[in-house]
């Protein structure tokens, strides 16, 4: 996988952004994918994951229904729609990809950044109050 994120930027609290992660490699449909983020001085945090079939999704506890992860197999692109943003969402957002295995393994490992071998360069999201 060769991943490239885009769509970050600066928004006011309460605003929305849609992040994209384009995969220019040949394996998009075979990989499970996820979004993680890193705030300044913080560890990489799980945001959302979607399985390779696009039927299973999971979210970090802090999301609370504000974000939606999706994938477009025609465009080989992963998305993260983020609504009701707050300053605590300020971070660099990364997409990760890898094949985690069966549904049991995906449920167990999808939220762990160590599960993903392929990463993009990240896109900055800044939310001001």
Foldseek 3Di string as FASTA:
>chain_A
DAWAKDWADEEAAQAKIKMKIADPDDCLLQKKKFKWWDDVPGDIFGAKTAGSVQPDMDGDPVQVPQWDWGADPVRSMIMIIGGRDDQVPWTWMKMFIDHQDDPVSCVVPVGPPVSGDDMHPTDTHGYHD
